[in-house]
C-alpha atoms as a PDB file:
ATOM      1  CA  MET A   1       0.000   0.000   0.000  1.00  0.00           C
ATOM      2  CA  SER A   2       1.425   3.348  -1.028  1.00  0.00           C
ATOM      3  CA  THR A   3       1.363   6.496   1.073  1.00  0.00           C
ATOM      4  CA  ILE A   4       0.682   9.814  -0.591  1.00  0.00           C
ATOM      5  CA  THR A   5       1.244  13.199   0.997  1.00  0.00           C
ATOM      6  CA  TRP A   6      -1.128  15.770  -0.441  1.00  0.00           C
ATOM      7  CA  LEU A   7       0.820  19.038  -0.149  1.00  0.00           C
ATOM      8  CA  LEU A   8      -1.371  22.129  -0.225  1.00  0.00           C
ATOM      9  CA  THR A   9       0.134  25.604  -0.662  1.00  0.00           C
ATOM     10  CA  SER A  10      -1.274  29.092  -1.097  1.00  0.00           C
ATOM     11  CA  PRO A  11      -0.520  30.917  -4.368  1.00  0.00           C
ATOM     12  CA  ARG A  12      -0.776  34.180  -2.406  1.00  0.00           C
ATOM     13  CA  ILE A  13       2.167  33.398  -0.124  1.00  0.00           C
ATOM     14  CA  PRO A  14       5.805  33.498  -1.348  1.00  0.00           C
ATOM     15  CA  ALA A  15       6.376  29.988  -2.668  1.00  0.00           C
ATOM     16  CA  GLY A  16       9.426  29.153  -0.534  1.00  0.00           C
ATOM     17  CA  LEU A  17       7.709  29.991   2.752  1.00  0.00           C
ATOM     18  CA  LEU A  18       6.616  26.459   3.595  1.00  0.00           C
ATOM     19  CA  THR A  19       6.002  24.954   7.016  1.00  0.00           C
ATOM     20  CA  VAL A  20       8.637  22.792   8.693  1.00  0.00           C
ATOM     21  CA  GLU A  21       6.248  19.847   8.339  1.00  0.00           C
ATOM     22  CA  ALA A  22       6.082  20.426   4.583  1.00  0.00           C
ATOM     23  CA  TRP A  23       9.862  20.667   4.145  1.00  0.00           C
ATOM     24  CA  ASP A  24      10.362  17.522   6.259  1.00  0.00           C
ATOM     25  CA  ALA A  25       7.890  15.618   4.072  1.00  0.00           C
ATOM     26  CA  LEU A  26       9.598  16.830   0.900  1.00  0.00           C
ATOM     27  CA  HIS A  27      13.106  15.931   2.067  1.00  0.00           C
ATOM     28  CA  GLU A  28      12.007  12.479   3.258  1.00  0.00           C
ATOM     29  CA  ALA A  29       9.922  11.601   0.182  1.00  0.00           C
ATOM     30  CA  GLU A  30      11.164   9.034  -2.325  1.00  0.00           C
ATOM     31  CA  ALA A  31       9.268  10.882  -5.062  1.00  0.00           C
ATOM     32  CA  VAL A  32       7.809  14.351  -5.497  1.00  0.00           C
ATOM     33  CA  ALA A  33       5.473  15.097  -8.378  1.00  0.00           C
ATOM     34  CA  ALA A  34       3.019  17.621  -9.805  1.00  0.00           C
ATOM     35  CA  PHE A  35       1.024  18.192 -12.969  1.00  0.00           C
ATOM     36  CA  PHE A  36       2.388  21.595 -13.887  1.00  0.00           C
ATOM     37  CA  GLU A  37       5.248  23.985 -13.304  1.00  0.00           C
ATOM     38  CA  SER A  38       4.409  26.504 -10.571  1.00  0.00           C
ATOM     39  CA  PRO A  39       6.170  28.843  -8.124  1.00  0.00           C
ATOM     40  CA  ALA A  40       5.849  26.139  -5.448  1.00  0.00           C
ATOM     41  CA  VAL A  41       7.470  23.566  -7.731  1.00  0.00           C
ATOM     42  CA  GLU A  42      10.278  25.993  -8.569  1.00  0.00           C
ATOM     43  CA  ALA A  43      10.882  26.728  -4.883  1.00  0.00           C
ATOM     44  CA  VAL A  44      11.138  23.028  -4.079  1.00  0.00           C
ATOM     45  CA  ARG A  45      13.570  22.507  -6.956  1.00  0.00           C
ATOM     46  CA  ASP A  46      15.636  25.479  -5.760  1.00  0.00           C
ATOM     47  CA  ALA A  47      15.975  23.645  -2.439  1.00  0.00           C
ATOM     48  CA  GLY A  48      17.651  20.755  -4.270  1.00  0.00           C
ATOM     49  CA  ILE A  49      14.646  18.435  -4.390  1.00  0.00           C
ATOM     50  CA  ASP A  50      13.720  16.838  -7.720  1.00  0.00           C
ATOM     51  CA  VAL A  51      10.117  17.328  -8.828  1.00  0.00           C
ATOM     52  CA  GLU A  52       8.710  15.237 -11.681  1.00  0.00           C
ATOM     53  CA  LEU A  53       6.023  16.752 -13.868  1.00  0.00           C
ATOM     54  CA  VAL A  54       3.554  14.090 -15.020  1.00  0.00           C
ATOM     55  CA  GLU A  55       0.533  14.002 -17.288  1.00  0.00           C
ATOM     56  CA  ASP A  56      -0.840  10.795 -15.770  1.00  0.00           C
ATOM     57  CA  ALA A  57      -0.593  10.279 -12.016  1.00  0.00           C
ATOM     58  CA  ALA A  58      -1.323   6.529 -12.118  1.00  0.00           C
ATOM     59  CA  GLU A  59       2.308   5.444 -11.642  1.00  0.00           C
ATOM     60  CA  PHE A  60       2.801   7.985  -8.867  1.00  0.00           C
ATOM     61  CA  ILE A  61      -0.264   6.655  -7.038  1.00  0.00           C
ATOM     62  CA  GLU A  62       1.239   3.152  -7.088  1.00  0.00           C
ATOM     63  CA  THR A  63       4.631   4.222  -5.705  1.00  0.00           C
ATOM     64  CA  GLY A  64       3.529   7.068  -3.415  1.00  0.00           C
ATOM     65  CA  GLY A  65       5.344  10.228  -2.389  1.00  0.00           C
ATOM     66  CA  VAL A  66       4.573  13.922  -2.078  1.00  0.00           C
ATOM     67  CA  TRP A  67       2.148  15.478  -4.533  1.00  0.00           C
ATOM     68  CA  ILE A  68       2.416  19.256  -4.896  1.00  0.00           C
ATOM     69  CA  VAL A  69      -1.159  20.361  -5.484  1.00  0.00           C
ATOM     70  CA  GLY A  70      -1.610  22.871  -8.327  1.00  0.00           C
ATOM     71  CA  GLU A  71      -3.221  26.290  -7.936  1.00  0.00           C
ATOM     72  CA  ASP A  72      -6.496  24.932  -9.355  1.00  0.00           C
ATOM     73  CA  GLY A  73      -6.666  22.274  -6.615  1.00  0.00           C
ATOM     74  CA  ASP A  74      -6.195  19.223  -8.905  1.00  0.00           C
ATOM     75  CA  GLU A  75      -9.813  18.289  -8.200  1.00  0.00           C
ATOM     76  CA  GLU A  76     -10.017  15.217 -10.453  1.00  0.00           C
ATOM     77  CA  LEU A  77      -6.958  13.661  -8.844  1.00  0.00           C
ATOM     78  CA  ARG A  78      -8.249  14.515  -5.367  1.00  0.00           C
ATOM     79  CA  GLU A  79     -11.542  12.746  -6.100  1.00  0.00           C
ATOM     80  CA  ALA A  80      -9.685   9.712  -7.455  1.00  0.00           C
ATOM     81  CA  LEU A  81      -7.487   9.544  -4.361  1.00  0.00           C
ATOM     82  CA  ALA A  82     -10.556   9.730  -2.138  1.00  0.00           C
ATOM     83  CA  GLU A  83     -11.918   6.617  -3.837  1.00  0.00           C
ATOM     84  CA  PHE A  84      -8.608   4.781  -3.380  1.00  0.00           C
ATOM     85  CA  VAL A  85      -8.580   5.735   0.299  1.00  0.00           C
ATOM     86  CA  ALA A  86     -12.158   4.510   0.719  1.00  0.00           C
ATOM     87  CA  GLY A  87     -11.167   1.224  -0.890  1.00  0.00           C
ATOM     88  CA  GLY A  88      -8.200   0.803   1.414  1.00  0.00           C
ATOM     89  CA  GLU A  89      -5.723   0.904  -1.489  1.00  0.00           C
ATOM     90  CA  ILE A  90      -3.656   3.896  -0.343  1.00  0.00           C
ATOM     91  CA  GLU A  91      -2.969   6.000   2.715  1.00  0.00           C
ATOM     92  CA  LEU A  92      -3.387   9.719   2.281  1.00  0.00           C
ATOM     93  CA  GLU A  93      -1.885  12.426   4.481  1.00  0.00           C
ATOM     94  CA  VAL A  94      -2.788  16.075   3.979  1.00  0.00           C
ATOM     95  CA  VAL A  95      -0.040  18.575   4.759  1.00  0.00           C
ATOM     96  CA  TYR A  96      -0.476  22.342   4.615  1.00  0.00           C
ATOM     97  CA  GLY A  97       2.716  23.883   3.368  1.00  0.00           C
ATOM     98  CA  SER A  98       1.181  27.353   3.542  1.00  0.00           C
ATOM     99  CA  TRP A  99      -2.286  28.790   3.810  1.00  0.00           C
ATOM    100  CA  ASP A 100      -4.077  32.054   3.205  1.00  0.00           C
ATOM    101  CA  PRO A 101      -3.993  34.538   6.087  1.00  0.00           C
ATOM    102  CA  PRO A 102      -7.124  36.655   6.679  1.00  0.00           C
ATOM    103  CA  GLY A 103      -7.515  39.147   3.867  1.00  0.00           C
ATOM    104  CA  ALA A 104      -5.438  37.158   1.384  1.00  0.00           C
ATOM    105  CA  ARG A 105      -8.168  37.280  -1.261  1.00  0.00           C
ATOM    106  CA  LEU A 106      -7.751  41.060  -1.306  1.00  0.00           C
ATOM    107  CA  LEU A 107      -4.515  40.390  -3.179  1.00  0.00           C
ATOM    108  CA  ASP A 108      -6.578  38.691  -5.875  1.00  0.00           C
ATOM    109  CA  LEU A 109      -8.766  41.786  -6.064  1.00  0.00           C
ATOM    110  CA  VAL A 110      -5.736  44.068  -6.445  1.00  0.00           C
ATOM    111  CA  GLU A 111      -4.458  41.842  -9.242  1.00  0.00           C
ATOM    112  CA  ALA A 112      -7.866  41.770 -10.966  1.00  0.00           C
ATOM    113  CA  VAL A 113      -8.128  45.585 -10.912  1.00  0.00           C
ATOM    114  CA  ALA A 114      -4.593  45.912 -12.273  1.00  0.00           C
ATOM    115  CA  ARG A 115      -5.590  43.563 -15.098  1.00  0.00           C
ATOM    116  CA  LEU A 116      -8.626  45.739 -15.920  1.00  0.00           C
ATOM    117  CA  HIS A 117      -6.382  48.794 -16.270  1.00  0.00           C
ATOM    118  CA  ALA A 118      -3.637  47.042 -18.238  1.00  0.00           C
ATOM    119  CA  GLU A 119      -3.046  47.990 -21.865  1.00  0.00           C
ATOM    120  CA  ASP A 120      -4.928  44.898 -23.003  1.00  0.00           C
ATOM    121  CA  GLY A 121      -7.528  45.206 -20.228  1.00  0.00           C
ATOM    122  CA  CYS A 122     -11.065  46.610 -20.275  1.00  0.00           C
ATOM    123  CA  PRO A 123     -11.518  49.635 -22.620  1.00  0.00           C
ATOM    124  CA  TRP A 124     -14.305  51.070 -20.452  1.00  0.00           C
ATOM    125  CA  HIS A 125     -12.246  50.949 -17.260  1.00  0.00           C
ATOM    126  CA  ARG A 126      -9.214  52.423 -19.001  1.00  0.00           C
ATOM    127  CA  GLU A 127     -11.301  55.464 -20.003  1.00  0.00           C
ATOM    128  CA  GLN A 128     -12.503  56.238 -16.477  1.00  0.00           C
ATOM    129  CA  THR A 129     -11.211  58.983 -14.183  1.00  0.00           C
ATOM    130  CA  HIS A 130     -11.695  59.785 -10.504  1.00  0.00           C
ATOM    131  CA  ARG A 131     -14.494  62.178 -11.474  1.00  0.00           C
ATOM    132  CA  THR A 132     -16.364  59.775 -13.750  1.00  0.00           C
ATOM    133  CA  LEU A 133     -16.182  57.029 -11.118  1.00  0.00           C
ATOM    134  CA  GLY A 134     -17.295  59.351  -8.314  1.00  0.00           C
ATOM    135  CA  PRO A 135     -21.056  58.806  -8.719  1.00  0.00           C
ATOM    136  CA  TYR A 136     -20.620  55.024  -8.539  1.00  0.00           C
ATOM    137  CA  LEU A 137     -19.005  55.340  -5.109  1.00  0.00           C
ATOM    138  CA  LEU A 138     -22.086  57.105  -3.794  1.00  0.00           C
ATOM    139  CA  GLU A 139     -24.454  54.723  -5.561  1.00  0.00           C
ATOM    140  CA  GLU A 140     -22.728  51.629  -4.179  1.00  0.00           C
ATOM    141  CA  SER A 141     -22.758  53.122  -0.669  1.00  0.00           C
ATOM    142  CA  TYR A 142     -26.524  53.553  -0.810  1.00  0.00           C
ATOM    143  CA  GLU A 143     -26.965  50.002  -2.080  1.00  0.00           C
ATOM    144  CA  VAL A 144     -25.009  48.750   0.947  1.00  0.00           C
ATOM    145  CA  LEU A 145     -27.368  50.721   3.180  1.00  0.00           C
ATOM    146  CA  ASP A 146     -30.353  49.178   1.372  1.00  0.00           C
ATOM    147  CA  ALA A 147     -29.000  45.681   2.047  1.00  0.00           C
ATOM    148  CA  ILE A 148     -28.468  46.540   5.715  1.00  0.00           C
ATOM    149  CA  GLY A 149     -32.005  47.892   5.941  1.00  0.00           C
ATOM    150  CA  ARG A 150     -33.368  44.634   4.532  1.00  0.00           C
ATOM    151  CA  ASP A 151     -31.251  42.480   6.897  1.00  0.00           C
ATOM    152  CA  ASP A 152     -30.188  40.496   3.834  1.00  0.00           C
ATOM    153  CA  ALA A 153     -26.779  38.945   4.563  1.00  0.00           C
ATOM    154  CA  ASP A 154     -26.265  37.574   1.047  1.00  0.00           C
ATOM    155  CA  GLU A 155     -27.106  40.914  -0.555  1.00  0.00           C
ATOM    156  CA  LEU A 156     -24.929  42.749   1.958  1.00  0.00           C
ATOM    157  CA  ARG A 157     -21.987  40.506   1.115  1.00  0.00           C
ATOM    158  CA  GLU A 158     -22.407  41.264  -2.592  1.00  0.00           C
ATOM    159  CA  GLU A 159     -22.919  45.005  -2.133  1.00  0.00           C
ATOM    160  CA  LEU A 160     -19.908  45.314   0.167  1.00  0.00           C
ATOM    161  CA  GLY A 161     -17.877  43.727  -2.621  1.00  0.00           C
ATOM    162  CA  ASP A 162     -19.157  46.299  -5.113  1.00  0.00           C
ATOM    163  CA  LEU A 163     -18.315  49.083  -2.663  1.00  0.00           C
ATOM    164  CA  LEU A 164     -14.844  47.658  -1.975  1.00  0.00           C
ATOM    165  CA  PHE A 165     -14.227  47.623  -5.724  1.00  0.00           C
ATOM    166  CA  GLN A 166     -14.429  51.423  -5.875  1.00  0.00           C
ATOM    167  CA  PRO A 167     -11.375  52.356  -3.711  1.00  0.00           C
ATOM    168  CA  LEU A 168      -9.304  49.792  -5.591  1.00  0.00           C
ATOM    169  CA  LEU A 169     -10.286  51.390  -8.910  1.00  0.00           C
ATOM    170  CA  HIS A 170      -9.411  54.887  -7.706  1.00  0.00           C
ATOM    171  CA  ALA A 171      -6.075  53.758  -6.258  1.00  0.00           C
ATOM    172  CA  SER A 172      -5.232  51.976  -9.509  1.00  0.00           C
ATOM    173  CA  LEU A 173      -5.926  55.158 -11.485  1.00  0.00           C
ATOM    174  CA  ALA A 174      -3.875  57.400  -9.204  1.00  0.00           C
ATOM    175  CA  GLU A 175      -0.438  58.546 -10.339  1.00  0.00           C
ATOM    176  CA  ASP A 176       0.952  59.701  -6.988  1.00  0.00           C
ATOM    177  CA  PHE A 177      -0.033  56.740  -4.774  1.00  0.00           C
ATOM    178  CA  ASP A 178      -1.200  53.143  -4.913  1.00  0.00           C
ATOM    179  CA  ILE A 179      -3.412  50.889  -2.804  1.00  0.00           C
ATOM    180  CA  ASP A 180      -0.513  50.026  -0.471  1.00  0.00           C
ATOM    181  CA  ASP A 181      -0.094  53.729   0.304  1.00  0.00           C
ATOM    182  CA  VAL A 182      -3.823  53.989   1.013  1.00  0.00           C
ATOM    183  CA  ALA A 183      -3.795  50.918   3.261  1.00  0.00           C
ATOM    184  CA  GLY A 184      -0.592  51.991   5.014  1.00  0.00           C
ATOM    185  CA  ASP A 185      -1.943  55.468   5.776  1.00  0.00           C
ATOM    186  CA  LEU A 186      -5.171  53.961   7.074  1.00  0.00           C
ATOM    187  CA  VAL A 187      -3.392  51.519   9.390  1.00  0.00           C
ATOM    188  CA  GLU A 188      -1.268  54.344  10.814  1.00  0.00           C
ATOM    189  CA  LYS A 189      -4.396  56.447  11.384  1.00  0.00           C
ATOM    190  CA  ILE A 190      -6.248  53.590  13.086  1.00  0.00           C
ATOM    191  CA  VAL A 191      -3.329  52.912  15.439  1.00  0.00           C
ATOM    192  CA  ARG A 192      -2.824  56.619  16.154  1.00  0.00           C
ATOM    193  CA  ARG A 193      -6.492  57.172  17.014  1.00  0.00           C
ATOM    194  CA  HIS A 194      -6.767  54.122  19.284  1.00  0.00           C
ATOM    195  CA  PRO A 195      -4.028  54.494  21.918  1.00  0.00           C
ATOM    196  CA  HIS A 196      -6.258  52.532  24.308  1.00  0.00           C
ATOM    197  CA  VAL A 197      -5.788  49.530  21.975  1.00  0.00           C
ATOM    198  CA  TRP A 198      -2.201  50.055  20.748  1.00  0.00           C
ATOM    199  CA  GLY A 199      -0.956  51.592  23.977  1.00  0.00           C
ATOM    200  CA  ASP A 200      -1.806  52.065  27.622  1.00  0.00           C
ATOM    201  CA  ALA A 201      -4.319  54.929  27.386  1.00  0.00           C
ATOM    202  CA  ASP A 202      -7.538  54.719  29.394  1.00  0.00           C
ATOM    203  CA  PRO A 203     -10.391  53.206  27.312  1.00  0.00           C
ATOM    204  CA  ASP A 204     -12.853  55.409  29.192  1.00  0.00           C
ATOM    205  CA  ASP A 205     -11.305  58.400  27.414  1.00  0.00           C
ATOM    206  CA  LEU A 206     -11.535  56.937  23.923  1.00  0.00           C
ATOM    207  CA  TYR A 207     -13.525  59.882  22.482  1.00  0.00           C
ATOM    208  CA  GLN A 208     -11.006  62.313  23.907  1.00  0.00           C
ATOM    209  CA  HIS A 209      -8.159  60.303  22.356  1.00  0.00           C
ATOM    210  CA  TRP A 210      -9.970  60.271  19.006  1.00  0.00           C
ATOM    211  CA  ASN A 211     -10.597  64.010  18.952  1.00  0.00           C
ATOM    212  CA  GLU A 212      -7.075  64.847  20.160  1.00  0.00           C
ATOM    213  CA  ALA A 213      -5.574  62.656  17.438  1.00  0.00           C
ATOM    214  CA  LYS A 214      -7.721  64.283  14.762  1.00  0.00           C
ATOM    215  CA  ALA A 215      -6.783  67.758  16.021  1.00  0.00           C
ATOM    216  CA  ALA A 216      -3.085  66.854  15.895  1.00  0.00           C
ATOM    217  CA  GLU A 217      -3.470  65.487  12.364  1.00  0.00           C
ATOM    218  CA  LYS A 218      -5.256  68.617  11.118  1.00  0.00           C
ATOM    219  CA  PRO A 219      -3.708  71.540  13.078  1.00  0.00           C
ATOM    220  CA  HIS A 220      -4.699  74.004  10.333  1.00  0.00           C
ATOM    221  CA  ARG A 221      -8.408  73.534  10.968  1.00  0.00           C
ATOM    222  CA  ASP A 222      -9.904  76.544  12.739  1.00  0.00           C
ATOM    223  CA  HIS A 223     -13.602  75.889  12.154  1.00  0.00           C
ATOM    224  CA  PRO A 224     -15.621  73.195  14.004  1.00  0.00           C
ATOM    225  CA  ALA A 225     -17.081  71.901  10.745  1.00  0.00           C
ATOM    226  CA  ASP A 226     -13.803  71.976   8.813  1.00  0.00           C
ATOM    227  CA  GLY A 227     -13.522  68.642   6.997  1.00  0.00           C
ATOM    228  CA  VAL A 228     -17.255  67.942   6.845  1.00  0.00           C
ATOM    229  CA  SER A 229     -18.082  67.275   3.206  1.00  0.00           C
ATOM    230  CA  ARG A 230     -20.494  69.722   1.628  1.00  0.00           C
ATOM    231  CA  GLN A 231     -21.519  66.928  -0.735  1.00  0.00           C
ATOM    232  CA  LEU A 232     -23.578  65.349   2.059  1.00  0.00           C
ATOM    233  CA  PRO A 233     -27.363  65.555   1.774  1.00  0.00           C
ATOM    234  CA  SER A 234     -28.589  68.464   3.874  1.00  0.00           C
ATOM    235  CA  LEU A 235     -30.036  66.302   6.672  1.00  0.00           C
ATOM    236  CA  SER A 236     -26.769  64.388   7.074  1.00  0.00           C
ATOM    237  CA  LEU A 237     -24.842  67.645   6.776  1.00  0.00           C
ATOM    238  CA  ALA A 238     -26.890  69.275   9.528  1.00  0.00           C
ATOM    239  CA  ALA A 239     -26.488  66.310  11.869  1.00  0.00           C
ATOM    240  CA  LYS A 240     -22.734  66.164  11.277  1.00  0.00           C
ATOM    241  CA  VAL A 241     -22.241  69.904  11.744  1.00  0.00           C
ATOM    242  CA  ILE A 242     -24.217  69.898  15.011  1.00  0.00           C
ATOM    243  CA  GLU A 243     -22.095  66.965  16.203  1.00  0.00           C
ATOM    244  CA  ARG A 244     -18.837  68.726  15.296  1.00  0.00           C
ATOM    245  CA  PHE A 245     -19.808  71.908  17.143  1.00  0.00           C
ATOM    246  CA  HIS A 246     -20.804  69.848  20.186  1.00  0.00           C
ATOM    247  CA  ASP A 247     -17.505  67.930  20.157  1.00  0.00           C
ATOM    248  CA  GLN A 248     -15.601  71.218  20.003  1.00  0.00           C
ATOM    249  CA  GLY A 249     -17.467  72.515  23.049  1.00  0.00           C
ATOM    250  CA  GLU A 250     -19.130  75.206  20.958  1.00  0.00           C
ATOM    251  CA  PRO A 251     -22.831  74.258  20.820  1.00  0.00           C
ATOM    252  CA  LEU A 252     -24.431  75.604  17.674  1.00  0.00           C
ATOM    253  CA  ASP A 253     -27.122  78.250  18.058  1.00  0.00           C
ATOM    254  CA  LEU A 254     -30.147  76.228  16.967  1.00  0.00           C
ATOM    255  CA  PRO A 255     -33.788  77.247  16.526  1.00  0.00           C
ATOM    256  CA  GLU A 256     -36.228  76.049  19.178  1.00  0.00           C
ATOM    257  CA  LEU A 257     -39.145  73.758  18.442  1.00  0.00           C
ATOM    258  CA  PRO A 258     -42.538  75.422  18.616  1.00  0.00           C
ATOM    259  CA  ALA A 259     -43.820  75.713  22.176  1.00  0.00           C
ATOM    260  CA  GLY A 260     -45.326  72.504  23.474  1.00  0.00           C
ATOM    261  CA  VAL A 261     -43.949  70.314  20.671  1.00  0.00           C
ATOM    262  CA  LYS A 262     -42.390  67.158  22.129  1.00  0.00           C
ATOM    263  CA  PHE A 263     -41.982  63.720  20.619  1.00  0.00           C
ATOM    264  CA  GLU A 264     -40.399  60.358  21.345  1.00  0.00           C
ATOM    265  CA  ALA A 265     -37.583  58.751  19.328  1.00  0.00           C
ATOM    266  CA  ASP A 266     -39.992  56.672  17.260  1.00  0.00           C
ATOM    267  CA  GLU A 267     -41.873  59.838  16.264  1.00  0.00           C
ATOM    268  CA  VAL A 268     -38.874  61.650  14.766  1.00  0.00           C
ATOM    269  CA  GLY A 269     -39.438  60.231  11.287  1.00  0.00           C
ATOM    270  CA  ASP A 270     -43.053  61.398  11.195  1.00  0.00           C
ATOM    271  CA  PHE A 271     -42.004  64.812  12.506  1.00  0.00           C
ATOM    272  CA  LEU A 272     -39.420  65.237   9.757  1.00  0.00           C
ATOM    273  CA  LEU A 273     -41.892  64.006   7.157  1.00  0.00           C
ATOM    274  CA  ALA A 274     -44.389  66.572   8.356  1.00  0.00           C
ATOM    275  CA  ALA A 275     -41.711  69.273   8.101  1.00  0.00           C
ATOM    276  CA  VAL A 276     -40.999  68.247   4.509  1.00  0.00           C
ATOM    277  CA  ALA A 277     -44.698  68.365   3.668  1.00  0.00           C
ATOM    278  CA  ALA A 278     -44.992  71.806   5.281  1.00  0.00           C
ATOM    279  CA  ALA A 279     -42.035  73.051   3.241  1.00  0.00           C
ATOM    280  CA  ARG A 280     -43.641  71.835   0.020  1.00  0.00           C
ATOM    281  CA  ASN A 281     -46.932  73.517   0.938  1.00  0.00           C
ATOM    282  CA  ALA A 282     -44.982  76.757   1.441  1.00  0.00           C
ATOM    283  CA  GLY A 283     -43.422  76.342  -1.989  1.00  0.00           C
ATOM    284  CA  VAL A 284     -39.959  75.730  -0.544  1.00  0.00           C
ATOM    285  CA  ASP A 285     -37.458  73.001  -1.467  1.00  0.00           C
ATOM    286  CA  PRO A 286     -36.755  71.366   1.934  1.00  0.00           C
ATOM    287  CA  GLU A 287     -33.299  70.209   0.871  1.00  0.00           C
ATOM    288  CA  LEU A 288     -32.168  73.694  -0.099  1.00  0.00           C
ATOM    289  CA  ALA A 289     -33.916  75.330   2.851  1.00  0.00           C
ATOM    290  CA  LEU A 290     -32.171  73.111   5.403  1.00  0.00           C
ATOM    291  CA  ARG A 291     -28.819  73.499   3.657  1.00  0.00           C
ATOM    292  CA  ARG A 292     -29.207  77.286   3.682  1.00  0.00           C
ATOM    293  CA  ALA A 293     -30.163  77.292   7.378  1.00  0.00           C
ATOM    294  CA  VAL A 294     -27.217  75.157   8.552  1.00  0.00           C
ATOM    295  CA  THR A 295     -24.858  77.124   6.286  1.00  0.00           C
ATOM    296  CA  GLU A 296     -25.898  80.431   7.825  1.00  0.00           C
ATOM    297  CA  ARG A 297     -26.013  79.296  11.459  1.00  0.00           C
ATOM    298  CA  ALA A 298     -22.736  77.353  11.315  1.00  0.00           C
ATOM    299  CA  GLY A 299     -20.881  79.846   9.150  1.00  0.00           C
ATOM    300  CA  LEU A 300     -20.209  77.262   6.476  1.00  0.00           C
ATOM    301  CA  ASP A 301     -19.779  80.031   3.917  1.00  0.00           C
ATOM    302  CA  ARG A 302     -16.164  80.126   5.116  1.00  0.00           C
ATOM    303  CA  LEU A 303     -15.650  76.565   3.867  1.00  0.00           C
ATOM    304  CA  ASP A 304     -15.135  75.262   0.361  1.00  0.00           C
ATOM    305  CA  PRO A 305     -17.331  72.465  -1.105  1.00  0.00           C
ATOM    306  CA  GLN A 306     -15.022  69.852   0.423  1.00  0.00           C
ATOM    307  CA  GLY A 307     -15.486  71.376   3.871  1.00  0.00           C
ATOM    308  CA  HIS A 308     -12.146  73.133   4.200  1.00  0.00           C
ATOM    309  CA  VAL A 309     -11.597  76.757   5.151  1.00  0.00           C
ATOM    310  CA  ALA A 310     -11.663  78.958   2.056  1.00  0.00           C
ATOM    311  CA  GLU A 311     -12.779  82.354   0.901  1.00  0.00           C
ATOM    312  CA  ALA A 312     -16.474  83.063   1.108  1.00  0.00           C
ATOM    313  CA  ILE A 313     -18.635  81.135  -1.318  1.00  0.00           C
ATOM    314  CA  GLU A 314     -21.827  82.530  -2.817  1.00  0.00           C
ATOM    315  CA  TYR A 315     -25.029  80.507  -2.490  1.00  0.00           C
END
């Protein structure tokens, strides 16, 4: 009875980075074989171990040894070996030479996007710019929110993929940075803003740490709403501006509700809907009216459309 070691490796890990168990099996094997040339096969050969490439694995099955599984999984051979094992004709040992760490499939996504933008890639993608792709980023974000609202896990998984696609496309188009720069900057920001996780700061002060880190990162900001995107819908813009003023210890001067008007949390939606209806009856666009109100009360006319301090802007 022959013994076959089924050696599995990840194509996303440098080929020579195999486990000690895998190298021991390779050095001790009387035969090592595979169907095709691959980085794993080359790495094993570079270590001085002979690897035979075969078209038919029948002879190898009879003699046994280490089989280096191809990137496609060698499914037909795996199924055949399973039948031999069930029939008691061979012994099969599975050894993991390397495996995918969490997030490894992101490397596949980076490679796929690079292929789209290659000279022989997709003509449509090659014609796009940051500006032409911009609307898709917003559209995909709303579709993620729709999936969340429907509590649909399968749809959420798909929509998150579509949303994740967008940053990769923008990073691939950029001339001054790439996706590694984006990821590296983000990791540094996450660590910097969470000293209670990557340090010994008090978790009870996490909001203080967050705000202090942001202030240190953006020392030029001299307006509470600096950095809040003016592209936000007016309701989201108003909520964010009020939050920013509150965090800065400068509560915004807000209008009072009519005397006697009180409502519970579950009545807020109806209240806002009623306000929209009242605006329409008055012949006013509620989106523009709210944007104008928060702009005037928060002094957003000092900020440019991206939310940064600039010369006054006419509305």
